[in-house]
């Protein structure tokens, strides 16, 4: 004869003899633990997902947008040069420095 599983409900904090597993907490440095609920409270939790399942492939938006302008001596924009969108962990190839960031035309940079 085995002892029945008695667990505390994580929502109403009552003990129940018929616990429902509603969540698994995984820990990086030690054992994880399970979260249980009673039959009445189990409907209030979202369905469990496999933690090792990869999320769906949704298009990623740009996390960083660089705009390159040409500015005259007065500080006004005289020409819009380029726009570069950088994705985080995206599949985009890195942009070469010469095409994305043209060298400056000021006398100090031309001497280099």
PDB file of N, CA and C in Angstrom:
ATOM      1  N   UNK A   1       0.848  -1.166   0.000  1.00  0.00           N
ATOM      2  CA  UNK A   1       0.000   0.000   0.000  1.00  0.00           C
ATOM      3  C   UNK A   1       0.900   1.238   0.000  1.00  0.00           C
ATOM      4  N   UNK A   2       0.632   2.156  -0.913  1.00  0.00           N
ATOM      5  CA  UNK A   2       1.411   3.392  -0.986  1.00  0.00           C
ATOM      6  C   UNK A   2       0.644   4.535  -0.353  1.00  0.00           C
ATOM      7  N   UNK A   3       1.384   5.455   0.156  1.00  0.00           N
ATOM      8  CA  UNK A   3       0.782   6.625   0.786  1.00  0.00           C
ATOM      9  C   UNK A   3       0.281   7.584  -0.299  1.00  0.00           C
ATOM     10  N   UNK A   4      -0.926   8.128  -0.189  1.00  0.00           N
ATOM     11  CA  UNK A   4      -1.423   9.053  -1.217  1.00  0.00           C
ATOM     12  C   UNK A   4      -0.622  10.352  -1.212  1.00  0.00           C
ATOM     13  N   UNK A   5      -0.460  10.910  -2.390  1.00  0.00           N
ATOM     14  CA  UNK A   5       0.271  12.177  -2.520  1.00  0.00           C
ATOM     15  C   UNK A   5      -0.585  13.312  -1.989  1.00  0.00           C
ATOM     16  N   UNK A   6      -0.057  14.007  -1.009  1.00  0.00           N
ATOM     17  CA  UNK A   6      -0.752  15.160  -0.445  1.00  0.00           C
ATOM     18  C   UNK A   6       0.136  16.374  -0.711  1.00  0.00           C
ATOM     19  N   UNK A   7      -0.396  17.341  -1.418  1.00  0.00           N
ATOM     20  CA  UNK A   7       0.360  18.536  -1.766  1.00  0.00           C
ATOM     21  C   UNK A   7      -0.457  19.767  -1.422  1.00  0.00           C
ATOM     22  N   UNK A   8       0.255  20.888  -1.299  1.00  0.00           N
ATOM     23  CA  UNK A   8      -0.426  22.151  -1.040  1.00  0.00           C
ATOM     24  C   UNK A   8      -0.684  22.842  -2.377  1.00  0.00           C
ATOM     25  N   UNK A   9      -1.861  23.404  -2.537  1.00  0.00           N
ATOM     26  CA  UNK A   9      -2.210  24.156  -3.746  1.00  0.00           C
ATOM     27  C   UNK A   9      -1.468  25.483  -3.724  1.00  0.00           C
ATOM     28  N   UNK A  10      -0.831  25.813  -4.832  1.00  0.00           N
ATOM     29  CA  UNK A  10      -0.062  27.054  -4.907  1.00  0.00           C
ATOM     30  C   UNK A  10      -0.966  28.283  -4.978  1.00  0.00           C
ATOM     31  N   UNK A  11      -2.230  28.107  -5.313  1.00  0.00           N
ATOM     32  CA  UNK A  11      -3.132  29.258  -5.458  1.00  0.00           C
ATOM     33  C   UNK A  11      -3.935  29.522  -4.186  1.00  0.00           C
ATOM     34  N   UNK A  12      -4.609  28.506  -3.689  1.00  0.00           N
ATOM     35  CA  UNK A  12      -5.460  28.718  -2.508  1.00  0.00           C
ATOM     36  C   UNK A  12      -4.784  28.271  -1.210  1.00  0.00           C
ATOM     37  N   UNK A  13      -3.630  27.649  -1.289  1.00  0.00           N
ATOM     38  CA  UNK A  13      -2.821  27.226  -0.148  1.00  0.00           C
ATOM     39  C   UNK A  13      -3.512  26.210   0.755  1.00  0.00           C
ATOM     40  N   UNK A  14      -4.399  25.415   0.185  1.00  0.00           N
ATOM     41  CA  UNK A  14      -5.020  24.314   0.929  1.00  0.00           C
ATOM     42  C   UNK A  14      -4.337  23.016   0.517  1.00  0.00           C
ATOM     43  N   UNK A  15      -4.304  22.044   1.396  1.00  0.00           N
ATOM     44  CA  UNK A  15      -3.754  20.747   1.023  1.00  0.00           C
ATOM     45  C   UNK A  15      -4.810  19.951   0.280  1.00  0.00           C
ATOM     46  N   UNK A  16      -4.334  19.157  -0.681  1.00  0.00           N
ATOM     47  CA  UNK A  16      -5.248  18.360  -1.491  1.00  0.00           C
ATOM     48  C   UNK A  16      -4.660  16.965  -1.675  1.00  0.00           C
ATOM     49  N   UNK A  17      -5.545  15.977  -1.706  1.00  0.00           N
ATOM     50  CA  UNK A  17      -5.124  14.596  -1.928  1.00  0.00           C
ATOM     51  C   UNK A  17      -5.064  14.270  -3.416  1.00  0.00           C
ATOM     52  N   UNK A  18      -5.587  15.150  -4.268  1.00  0.00           N
ATOM     53  CA  UNK A  18      -5.562  14.947  -5.717  1.00  0.00           C
ATOM     54  C   UNK A  18      -4.873  16.143  -6.380  1.00  0.00           C
ATOM     55  N   UNK A  19      -3.547  16.280  -6.196  1.00  0.00           N
ATOM     56  CA  UNK A  19      -2.851  17.437  -6.765  1.00  0.00           C
ATOM     57  C   UNK A  19      -2.710  17.321  -8.284  1.00  0.00           C
ATOM     58  N   UNK A  20      -2.695  18.470  -8.923  1.00  0.00           N
ATOM     59  CA  UNK A  20      -2.490  18.560 -10.368  1.00  0.00           C
ATOM     60  C   UNK A  20      -1.188  19.331 -10.595  1.00  0.00           C
ATOM     61  N   UNK A  21      -0.283  18.753 -11.369  1.00  0.00           N
ATOM     62  CA  UNK A  21       0.980  19.417 -11.679  1.00  0.00           C
ATOM     63  C   UNK A  21       0.703  20.553 -12.663  1.00  0.00           C
ATOM     64  N   UNK A  22       0.983  21.792 -12.268  1.00  0.00           N
ATOM     65  CA  UNK A  22       0.681  22.944 -13.131  1.00  0.00           C
ATOM     66  C   UNK A  22       1.937  23.633 -13.656  1.00  0.00           C
ATOM     67  N   UNK A  23       3.092  23.393 -13.020  1.00  0.00           N
ATOM     68  CA  UNK A  23       4.305  24.083 -13.471  1.00  0.00           C
ATOM     69  C   UNK A  23       5.527  23.333 -12.958  1.00  0.00           C
ATOM     70  N   UNK A  24       6.575  23.298 -13.784  1.00  0.00           N
ATOM     71  CA  UNK A  24       7.858  22.730 -13.376  1.00  0.00           C
ATOM     72  C   UNK A  24       8.876  23.850 -13.378  1.00  0.00           C
ATOM     73  N   UNK A  25       9.553  24.054 -12.267  1.00  0.00           N
ATOM     74  CA  UNK A  25      10.564  25.101 -12.165  1.00  0.00           C
ATOM     75  C   UNK A  25      11.924  24.433 -12.302  1.00  0.00           C
ATOM     76  N   UNK A  26      12.680  24.828 -13.344  1.00  0.00           N
ATOM     77  CA  UNK A  26      14.008  24.277 -13.581  1.00  0.00           C
ATOM     78  C   UNK A  26      15.038  25.231 -13.012  1.00  0.00           C
ATOM     79  N   UNK A  27      16.036  24.670 -12.344  1.00  0.00           N
ATOM     80  CA  UNK A  27      17.086  25.480 -11.744  1.00  0.00           C
ATOM     81  C   UNK A  27      18.409  25.190 -12.437  1.00  0.00           C
ATOM     82  N   UNK A  28      19.234  26.212 -12.570  1.00  0.00           N
ATOM     83  CA  UNK A  28      20.519  26.042 -13.245  1.00  0.00           C
ATOM     84  C   UNK A  28      21.567  25.422 -12.336  1.00  0.00           C
ATOM     85  N   UNK A  29      21.471  25.621 -11.043  1.00  0.00           N
ATOM     86  CA  UNK A  29      22.531  25.178 -10.142  1.00  0.00           C
ATOM     87  C   UNK A  29      22.092  24.106  -9.163  1.00  0.00           C
ATOM     88  N   UNK A  30      20.953  23.522  -9.355  1.00  0.00           N
ATOM     89  CA  UNK A  30      20.503  22.500  -8.424  1.00  0.00           C
ATOM     90  C   UNK A  30      19.195  21.895  -8.900  1.00  0.00           C
ATOM     91  N   UNK A  31      18.587  21.064  -8.062  1.00  0.00           N
ATOM     92  CA  UNK A  31      17.331  20.451  -8.489  1.00  0.00           C
ATOM     93  C   UNK A  31      16.205  21.484  -8.547  1.00  0.00           C
ATOM     94  N   UNK A  32      15.332  21.305  -9.487  1.00  0.00           N
ATOM     95  CA  UNK A  32      14.168  22.177  -9.589  1.00  0.00           C
ATOM     96  C   UNK A  32      13.061  21.666  -8.688  1.00  0.00           C
ATOM     97  N   UNK A  33      11.868  22.162  -8.889  1.00  0.00           N
ATOM     98  CA  UNK A  33      10.738  21.696  -8.084  1.00  0.00           C
ATOM     99  C   UNK A  33       9.471  21.816  -8.907  1.00  0.00           C
ATOM    100  N   UNK A  34       8.440  21.137  -8.450  1.00  0.00           N
ATOM    101  CA  UNK A  34       7.145  21.132  -9.120  1.00  0.00           C
ATOM    102  C   UNK A  34       6.160  22.001  -8.354  1.00  0.00           C
ATOM    103  N   UNK A  35       5.242  22.604  -9.080  1.00  0.00           N
ATOM    104  CA  UNK A  35       4.188  23.429  -8.484  1.00  0.00           C
ATOM    105  C   UNK A  35       2.875  22.711  -8.728  1.00  0.00           C
ATOM    106  N   UNK A  36       2.138  22.512  -7.651  1.00  0.00           N
ATOM    107  CA  UNK A  36       0.876  21.783  -7.732  1.00  0.00           C
ATOM    108  C   UNK A  36      -0.294  22.702  -7.388  1.00  0.00           C
ATOM    109  N   UNK A  37      -1.466  22.287  -7.858  1.00  0.00           N
ATOM    110  CA  UNK A  37      -2.706  22.998  -7.543  1.00  0.00           C
ATOM    111  C   UNK A  37      -3.795  21.970  -7.299  1.00  0.00           C
ATOM    112  N   UNK A  38      -4.852  22.397  -6.631  1.00  0.00           N
ATOM    113  CA  UNK A  38      -5.996  21.508  -6.444  1.00  0.00           C
ATOM    114  C   UNK A  38      -6.803  21.468  -7.741  1.00  0.00           C
ATOM    115  N   UNK A  39      -7.775  20.570  -7.803  1.00  0.00           N
ATOM    116  CA  UNK A  39      -8.574  20.406  -9.020  1.00  0.00           C
ATOM    117  C   UNK A  39      -9.304  21.698  -9.401  1.00  0.00           C
ATOM    118  N   UNK A  40      -9.802  22.435  -8.420  1.00  0.00           N
ATOM    119  CA  UNK A  40     -10.564  23.651  -8.706  1.00  0.00           C
ATOM    120  C   UNK A  40      -9.661  24.774  -9.221  1.00  0.00           C
ATOM    121  N   UNK A  41      -8.467  24.888  -8.673  1.00  0.00           N
ATOM    122  CA  UNK A  41      -7.563  25.987  -9.052  1.00  0.00           C
ATOM    123  C   UNK A  41      -6.731  25.684 -10.288  1.00  0.00           C
ATOM    124  N   UNK A  42      -6.663  24.429 -10.696  1.00  0.00           N
ATOM    125  CA  UNK A  42      -5.810  24.054 -11.825  1.00  0.00           C
ATOM    126  C   UNK A  42      -6.266  24.713 -13.127  1.00  0.00           C
ATOM    127  N   UNK A  43      -7.545  25.025 -13.239  1.00  0.00           N
ATOM    128  CA  UNK A  43      -8.058  25.668 -14.462  1.00  0.00           C
ATOM    129  C   UNK A  43      -7.578  27.099 -14.613  1.00  0.00           C
ATOM    130  N   UNK A  44      -7.085  27.711 -13.559  1.00  0.00           N
ATOM    131  CA  UNK A  44      -6.629  29.102 -13.604  1.00  0.00           C
ATOM    132  C   UNK A  44      -5.183  29.232 -14.101  1.00  0.00           C
ATOM    133  N   UNK A  45      -4.504  28.115 -14.291  1.00  0.00           N
ATOM    134  CA  UNK A  45      -3.123  28.131 -14.766  1.00  0.00           C
ATOM    135  C   UNK A  45      -3.096  27.872 -16.266  1.00  0.00           C
ATOM    136  N   UNK A  46      -2.162  28.481 -16.990  1.00  0.00           N
ATOM    137  CA  UNK A  46      -2.059  28.203 -18.426  1.00  0.00           C
ATOM    138  C   UNK A  46      -1.553  26.777 -18.642  1.00  0.00           C
ATOM    139  N   UNK A  47      -1.793  26.214 -19.823  1.00  0.00           N
ATOM    140  CA  UNK A  47      -1.306  24.849 -20.073  1.00  0.00           C
ATOM    141  C   UNK A  47       0.220  24.801 -20.024  1.00  0.00           C
ATOM    142  N   UNK A  48       0.753  23.684 -19.548  1.00  0.00           N
ATOM    143  CA  UNK A  48       2.203  23.545 -19.433  1.00  0.00           C
ATOM    144  C   UNK A  48       2.831  23.386 -20.809  1.00  0.00           C
ATOM    145  N   UNK A  49       4.063  23.922 -20.931  1.00  0.00           N
ATOM    146  CA  UNK A  49       4.830  23.778 -22.164  1.00  0.00           C
ATOM    147  C   UNK A  49       6.090  22.990 -21.865  1.00  0.00           C
ATOM    148  N   UNK A  50       6.631  22.375 -22.894  1.00  0.00           N
ATOM    149  CA  UNK A  50       7.903  21.688 -22.752  1.00  0.00           C
ATOM    150  C   UNK A  50       8.997  22.749 -22.689  1.00  0.00           C
ATOM    151  N   UNK A  51       9.810  22.787 -21.629  1.00  0.00           N
ATOM    152  CA  UNK A  51      10.812  23.858 -21.520  1.00  0.00           C
ATOM    153  C   UNK A  51      11.910  23.763 -22.565  1.00  0.00           C
ATOM    154  N   UNK A  52      12.068  22.585 -23.166  1.00  0.00           N
ATOM    155  CA  UNK A  52      13.118  22.420 -24.163  1.00  0.00           C
ATOM    156  C   UNK A  52      12.614  22.630 -25.590  1.00  0.00           C
ATOM    157  N   UNK A  53      11.343  22.930 -25.726  1.00  0.00           N
ATOM    158  CA  UNK A  53      10.769  23.186 -27.042  1.00  0.00           C
ATOM    159  C   UNK A  53      11.193  24.578 -27.500  1.00  0.00           C
ATOM    160  N   UNK A  54      11.645  24.668 -28.742  1.00  0.00           N
ATOM    161  CA  UNK A  54      12.068  25.959 -29.272  1.00  0.00           C
ATOM    162  C   UNK A  54      10.850  26.817 -29.565  1.00  0.00           C
ATOM    163  N   UNK A  55      10.923  28.105 -29.280  1.00  0.00           N
ATOM    164  CA  UNK A  55       9.790  28.971 -29.600  1.00  0.00           C
ATOM    165  C   UNK A  55       9.602  29.062 -31.108  1.00  0.00           C
ATOM    166  N   UNK A  56       8.412  29.433 -31.510  1.00  0.00           N
ATOM    167  CA  UNK A  56       8.087  29.524 -32.924  1.00  0.00           C
ATOM    168  C   UNK A  56       8.953  30.548 -33.643  1.00  0.00           C
ATOM    169  N   UNK A  57       9.138  30.308 -34.916  1.00  0.00           N
ATOM    170  CA  UNK A  57       9.970  31.213 -35.712  1.00  0.00           C
ATOM    171  C   UNK A  57       9.154  32.433 -36.100  1.00  0.00           C
ATOM    172  N   UNK A  58       9.270  33.458 -35.326  1.00  0.00           N
ATOM    173  CA  UNK A  58       8.573  34.701 -35.621  1.00  0.00           C
ATOM    174  C   UNK A  58       9.600  35.725 -36.093  1.00  0.00           C
ATOM    175  N   UNK A  59       9.227  36.575 -37.000  1.00  0.00           N
ATOM    176  CA  UNK A  59      10.211  37.549 -37.492  1.00  0.00           C
ATOM    177  C   UNK A  59      10.654  38.493 -36.383  1.00  0.00           C
ATOM    178  N   UNK A  60      11.957  38.689 -36.299  1.00  0.00           N
ATOM    179  CA  UNK A  60      12.509  39.553 -35.260  1.00  0.00           C
ATOM    180  C   UNK A  60      12.612  40.973 -35.779  1.00  0.00           C
ATOM    181  N   UNK A  61      12.230  41.895 -34.957  1.00  0.00           N
ATOM    182  CA  UNK A  61      12.354  43.304 -35.313  1.00  0.00           C
ATOM    183  C   UNK A  61      13.760  43.771 -35.020  1.00  0.00           C
ATOM    184  N   UNK A  62      14.107  44.853 -35.636  1.00  0.00           N
ATOM    185  CA  UNK A  62      15.418  45.438 -35.415  1.00  0.00           C
ATOM    186  C   UNK A  62      15.533  45.940 -33.982  1.00  0.00           C
ATOM    187  N   UNK A  63      16.689  45.705 -33.365  1.00  0.00           N
ATOM    188  CA  UNK A  63      16.924  46.184 -32.016  1.00  0.00           C
ATOM    189  C   UNK A  63      17.737  47.466 -32.011  1.00  0.00           C
ATOM    190  N   UNK A  64      18.387  47.759 -33.138  1.00  0.00           N
ATOM    191  CA  UNK A  64      19.226  48.941 -33.213  1.00  0.00           C
ATOM    192  C   UNK A  64      19.176  49.457 -34.641  1.00  0.00           C
ATOM    193  N   UNK A  65      18.875  50.718 -34.821  1.00  0.00           N
ATOM    194  CA  UNK A  65      18.854  51.336 -36.134  1.00  0.00           C
ATOM    195  C   UNK A  65      19.861  52.466 -36.152  1.00  0.00           C
ATOM    196  N   UNK A  66      20.798  52.389 -37.090  1.00  0.00           N
ATOM    197  CA  UNK A  66      21.798  53.438 -37.253  1.00  0.00           C
ATOM    198  C   UNK A  66      21.462  54.215 -38.515  1.00  0.00           C
ATOM    199  N   UNK A  67      21.413  55.516 -38.409  1.00  0.00           N
ATOM    200  CA  UNK A  67      21.168  56.367 -39.570  1.00  0.00           C
ATOM    201  C   UNK A  67      22.410  57.209 -39.800  1.00  0.00           C
ATOM    202  N   UNK A  68      22.876  57.239 -41.044  1.00  0.00           N
ATOM    203  CA  UNK A  68      24.092  57.966 -41.385  1.00  0.00           C
ATOM    204  C   UNK A  68      23.683  59.202 -42.182  1.00  0.00           C
ATOM    205  N   UNK A  69      24.091  60.373 -41.700  1.00  0.00           N
ATOM    206  CA  UNK A  69      23.764  61.643 -42.342  1.00  0.00           C
ATOM    207  C   UNK A  69      25.046  62.377 -42.696  1.00  0.00           C
ATOM    208  N   UNK A  70      24.936  63.267 -43.656  1.00  0.00           N
ATOM    209  CA  UNK A  70      26.006  64.215 -43.923  1.00  0.00           C
ATOM    210  C   UNK A  70      25.542  65.551 -43.343  1.00  0.00           C
ATOM    211  N   UNK A  71      26.376  66.147 -42.499  1.00  0.00           N
ATOM    212  CA  UNK A  71      26.030  67.368 -41.789  1.00  0.00           C
ATOM    213  C   UNK A  71      26.998  68.458 -42.220  1.00  0.00           C
ATOM    214  N   UNK A  72      26.439  69.653 -42.485  1.00  0.00           N
ATOM    215  CA  UNK A  72      27.327  70.760 -42.889  1.00  0.00           C
ATOM    216  C   UNK A  72      27.890  71.467 -41.653  1.00  0.00           C
ATOM    217  N   UNK A  73      28.650  72.503 -41.849  1.00  0.00           N
ATOM    218  CA  UNK A  73      29.329  73.179 -40.744  1.00  0.00           C
ATOM    219  C   UNK A  73      28.365  73.836 -39.773  1.00  0.00           C
ATOM    220  N   UNK A  74      27.156  74.145 -40.217  1.00  0.00           N
ATOM    221  CA  UNK A  74      26.162  74.757 -39.336  1.00  0.00           C
ATOM    222  C   UNK A  74      25.430  73.718 -38.482  1.00  0.00           C
ATOM    223  N   UNK A  75      25.640  72.427 -38.749  1.00  0.00           N
ATOM    224  CA  UNK A  75      24.985  71.369 -37.990  1.00  0.00           C
ATOM    225  C   UNK A  75      23.662  70.929 -38.582  1.00  0.00           C
ATOM    226  N   UNK A  76      23.300  71.397 -39.750  1.00  0.00           N
ATOM    227  CA  UNK A  76      22.060  70.964 -40.382  1.00  0.00           C
ATOM    228  C   UNK A  76      22.351  69.775 -41.290  1.00  0.00           C
ATOM    229  N   UNK A  77      21.368  68.921 -41.419  1.00  0.00           N
ATOM    230  CA  UNK A  77      21.529  67.718 -42.240  1.00  0.00           C
ATOM    231  C   UNK A  77      21.428  68.111 -43.700  1.00  0.00           C
ATOM    232  N   UNK A  78      22.489  67.819 -44.452  1.00  0.00           N
ATOM    233  CA  UNK A  78      22.476  68.170 -45.870  1.00  0.00           C
ATOM    234  C   UNK A  78      22.139  66.964 -46.747  1.00  0.00           C
ATOM    235  N   UNK A  79      22.370  65.753 -46.237  1.00  0.00           N
ATOM    236  CA  UNK A  79      22.090  64.562 -47.050  1.00  0.00           C
ATOM    237  C   UNK A  79      21.887  63.366 -46.129  1.00  0.00           C
ATOM    238  N   UNK A  80      20.854  62.569 -46.414  1.00  0.00           N
ATOM    239  CA  UNK A  80      20.650  61.320 -45.695  1.00  0.00           C
ATOM    240  C   UNK A  80      21.392  60.238 -46.462  1.00  0.00           C
ATOM    241  N   UNK A  81      22.372  59.610 -45.807  1.00  0.00           N
ATOM    242  CA  UNK A  81      23.246  58.672 -46.515  1.00  0.00           C
ATOM    243  C   UNK A  81      22.714  57.245 -46.505  1.00  0.00           C
ATOM    244  N   UNK A  82      22.463  56.696 -45.324  1.00  0.00           N
ATOM    245  CA  UNK A  82      22.125  55.282 -45.258  1.00  0.00           C
ATOM    246  C   UNK A  82      21.388  54.986 -43.957  1.00  0.00           C
ATOM    247  N   UNK A  83      20.771  53.807 -43.917  1.00  0.00           N
ATOM    248  CA  UNK A  83      20.097  53.341 -42.707  1.00  0.00           C
ATOM    249  C   UNK A  83      20.474  51.872 -42.538  1.00  0.00           C
ATOM    250  N   UNK A  84      20.992  51.513 -41.373  1.00  0.00           N
ATOM    251  CA  UNK A  84      21.413  50.147 -41.094  1.00  0.00           C
ATOM    252  C   UNK A  84      20.617  49.651 -39.899  1.00  0.00           C
ATOM    253  N   UNK A  85      19.959  48.481 -40.060  1.00  0.00           N
ATOM    254  CA  UNK A  85      19.220  47.877 -38.958  1.00  0.00           C
ATOM    255  C   UNK A  85      19.994  46.665 -38.481  1.00  0.00           C
ATOM    256  N   UNK A  86      20.281  46.607 -37.190  1.00  0.00           N
ATOM    257  CA  UNK A  86      21.059  45.529 -36.602  1.00  0.00           C
ATOM    258  C   UNK A  86      20.115  44.627 -35.830  1.00  0.00           C
ATOM    259  N   UNK A  87      20.141  43.340 -36.131  1.00  0.00           N
ATOM    260  CA  UNK A  87      19.306  42.368 -35.440  1.00  0.00           C
ATOM    261  C   UNK A  87      20.123  41.667 -34.372  1.00  0.00           C
ATOM    262  N   UNK A  88      19.480  41.347 -33.268  1.00  0.00           N
ATOM    263  CA  UNK A  88      20.150  40.616 -32.209  1.00  0.00           C
ATOM    264  C   UNK A  88      19.937  39.130 -32.459  1.00  0.00           C
ATOM    265  N   UNK A  89      21.017  38.389 -32.549  1.00  0.00           N
ATOM    266  CA  UNK A  89      20.991  36.957 -32.820  1.00  0.00           C
ATOM    267  C   UNK A  89      20.172  36.618 -34.047  1.00  0.00           C
ATOM    268  N   UNK A  90      20.134  37.496 -35.003  1.00  0.00           N
ATOM    269  CA  UNK A  90      19.412  37.223 -36.229  1.00  0.00           C
ATOM    270  C   UNK A  90      20.283  36.495 -37.217  1.00  0.00           C
ATOM    271  N   UNK A  91      19.722  36.136 -38.338  1.00  0.00           N
ATOM    272  CA  UNK A  91      20.481  35.435 -39.348  1.00  0.00           C
ATOM    273  C   UNK A  91      21.129  36.378 -40.347  1.00  0.00           C
ATOM    274  N   UNK A  92      21.120  37.663 -40.068  1.00  0.00           N
ATOM    275  CA  UNK A  92      21.680  38.618 -41.020  1.00  0.00           C
ATOM    276  C   UNK A  92      23.199  38.555 -41.000  1.00  0.00           C
ATOM    277  N   UNK A  93      23.791  38.753 -42.151  1.00  0.00           N
ATOM    278  CA  UNK A  93      25.244  38.785 -42.252  1.00  0.00           C
ATOM    279  C   UNK A  93      25.764  40.109 -41.708  1.00  0.00           C
ATOM    280  N   UNK A  94      26.947  40.121 -41.116  1.00  0.00           N
ATOM    281  CA  UNK A  94      27.487  41.390 -40.641  1.00  0.00           C
ATOM    282  C   UNK A  94      27.783  42.324 -41.803  1.00  0.00           C
ATOM    283  N   UNK A  95      27.536  43.583 -41.605  1.00  0.00           N
ATOM    284  CA  UNK A  95      27.736  44.589 -42.643  1.00  0.00           C
ATOM    285  C   UNK A  95      29.195  45.010 -42.628  1.00  0.00           C
ATOM    286  N   UNK A  96      29.807  45.065 -43.791  1.00  0.00           N
ATOM    287  CA  UNK A  96      31.204  45.495 -43.824  1.00  0.00           C
ATOM    288  C   UNK A  96      31.292  46.976 -43.493  1.00  0.00           C
ATOM    289  N   UNK A  97      32.389  47.380 -42.880  1.00  0.00           N
ATOM    290  CA  UNK A  97      32.519  48.752 -42.410  1.00  0.00           C
ATOM    291  C   UNK A  97      32.596  49.751 -43.549  1.00  0.00           C
ATOM    292  N   UNK A  98      33.124  49.381 -44.684  1.00  0.00           N
ATOM    293  CA  UNK A  98      33.285  50.356 -45.758  1.00  0.00           C
ATOM    294  C   UNK A  98      31.958  50.733 -46.401  1.00  0.00           C
ATOM    295  N   UNK A  99      31.020  49.785 -46.523  1.00  0.00           N
ATOM    296  CA  UNK A  99      29.750  50.122 -47.163  1.00  0.00           C
ATOM    297  C   UNK A  99      28.760  50.738 -46.186  1.00  0.00           C
ATOM    298  N   UNK A 100      28.819  50.344 -44.919  1.00  0.00           N
ATOM    299  CA  UNK A 100      27.845  50.851 -43.952  1.00  0.00           C
ATOM    300  C   UNK A 100      28.242  52.203 -43.386  1.00  0.00           C
ATOM    301  N   UNK A 101      29.523  52.410 -43.170  1.00  0.00           N
ATOM    302  CA  UNK A 101      29.985  53.634 -42.552  1.00  0.00           C
ATOM    303  C   UNK A 101      31.069  54.257 -43.430  1.00  0.00           C
ATOM    304  N   UNK A 102      30.690  55.078 -44.376  1.00  0.00           N
ATOM    305  CA  UNK A 102      31.720  55.667 -45.232  1.00  0.00           C
ATOM    306  C   UNK A 102      32.665  56.541 -44.411  1.00  0.00           C
ATOM    307  N   UNK A 103      33.931  56.607 -44.811  1.00  0.00           N
ATOM    308  CA  UNK A 103      34.881  57.410 -44.042  1.00  0.00           C
ATOM    309  C   UNK A 103      34.485  58.883 -44.056  1.00  0.00           C
ATOM    310  N   UNK A 104      34.815  59.534 -42.991  1.00  0.00           N
ATOM    311  CA  UNK A 104      34.501  60.952 -42.842  1.00  0.00           C
ATOM    312  C   UNK A 104      35.337  61.761 -43.827  1.00  0.00           C
ATOM    313  N   UNK A 105      34.823  62.863 -44.278  1.00  0.00           N
ATOM    314  CA  UNK A 105      35.550  63.704 -45.231  1.00  0.00           C
ATOM    315  C   UNK A 105      36.195  64.935 -44.596  1.00  0.00           C
ATOM    316  N   UNK A 106      36.235  65.004 -43.272  1.00  0.00           N
ATOM    317  CA  UNK A 106      36.823  66.168 -42.639  1.00  0.00           C
ATOM    318  C   UNK A 106      38.356  66.135 -42.765  1.00  0.00           C
ATOM    319  N   UNK A 107      39.047  67.265 -42.670  1.00  0.00           N
ATOM    320  CA  UNK A 107      40.505  67.296 -42.848  1.00  0.00           C
ATOM    321  C   UNK A 107      41.249  66.400 -41.844  1.00  0.00           C
ATOM    322  N   UNK A 108      40.732  66.280 -40.634  1.00  0.00           N
ATOM    323  CA  UNK A 108      41.415  65.470 -39.641  1.00  0.00           C
ATOM    324  C   UNK A 108      41.384  63.992 -40.037  1.00  0.00           C
ATOM    325  N   UNK A 109      40.253  63.486 -40.551  1.00  0.00           N
ATOM    326  CA  UNK A 109      40.151  62.093 -40.929  1.00  0.00           C
ATOM    327  C   UNK A 109      40.814  61.795 -42.261  1.00  0.00           C
ATOM    328  N   UNK A 110      40.860  62.775 -43.158  1.00  0.00           N
ATOM    329  CA  UNK A 110      41.497  62.546 -44.453  1.00  0.00           C
ATOM    330  C   UNK A 110      42.998  62.355 -44.290  1.00  0.00           C
ATOM    331  N   UNK A 111      43.583  62.870 -43.216  1.00  0.00           N
ATOM    332  CA  UNK A 111      45.028  62.758 -43.013  1.00  0.00           C
ATOM    333  C   UNK A 111      45.421  61.342 -42.586  1.00  0.00           C
ATOM    334  N   UNK A 112      44.499  60.519 -42.124  1.00  0.00           N
ATOM    335  CA  UNK A 112      44.822  59.157 -41.657  1.00  0.00           C
ATOM    336  C   UNK A 112      45.103  58.218 -42.785  1.00  0.00           C
TER     337      UNK A 112
END
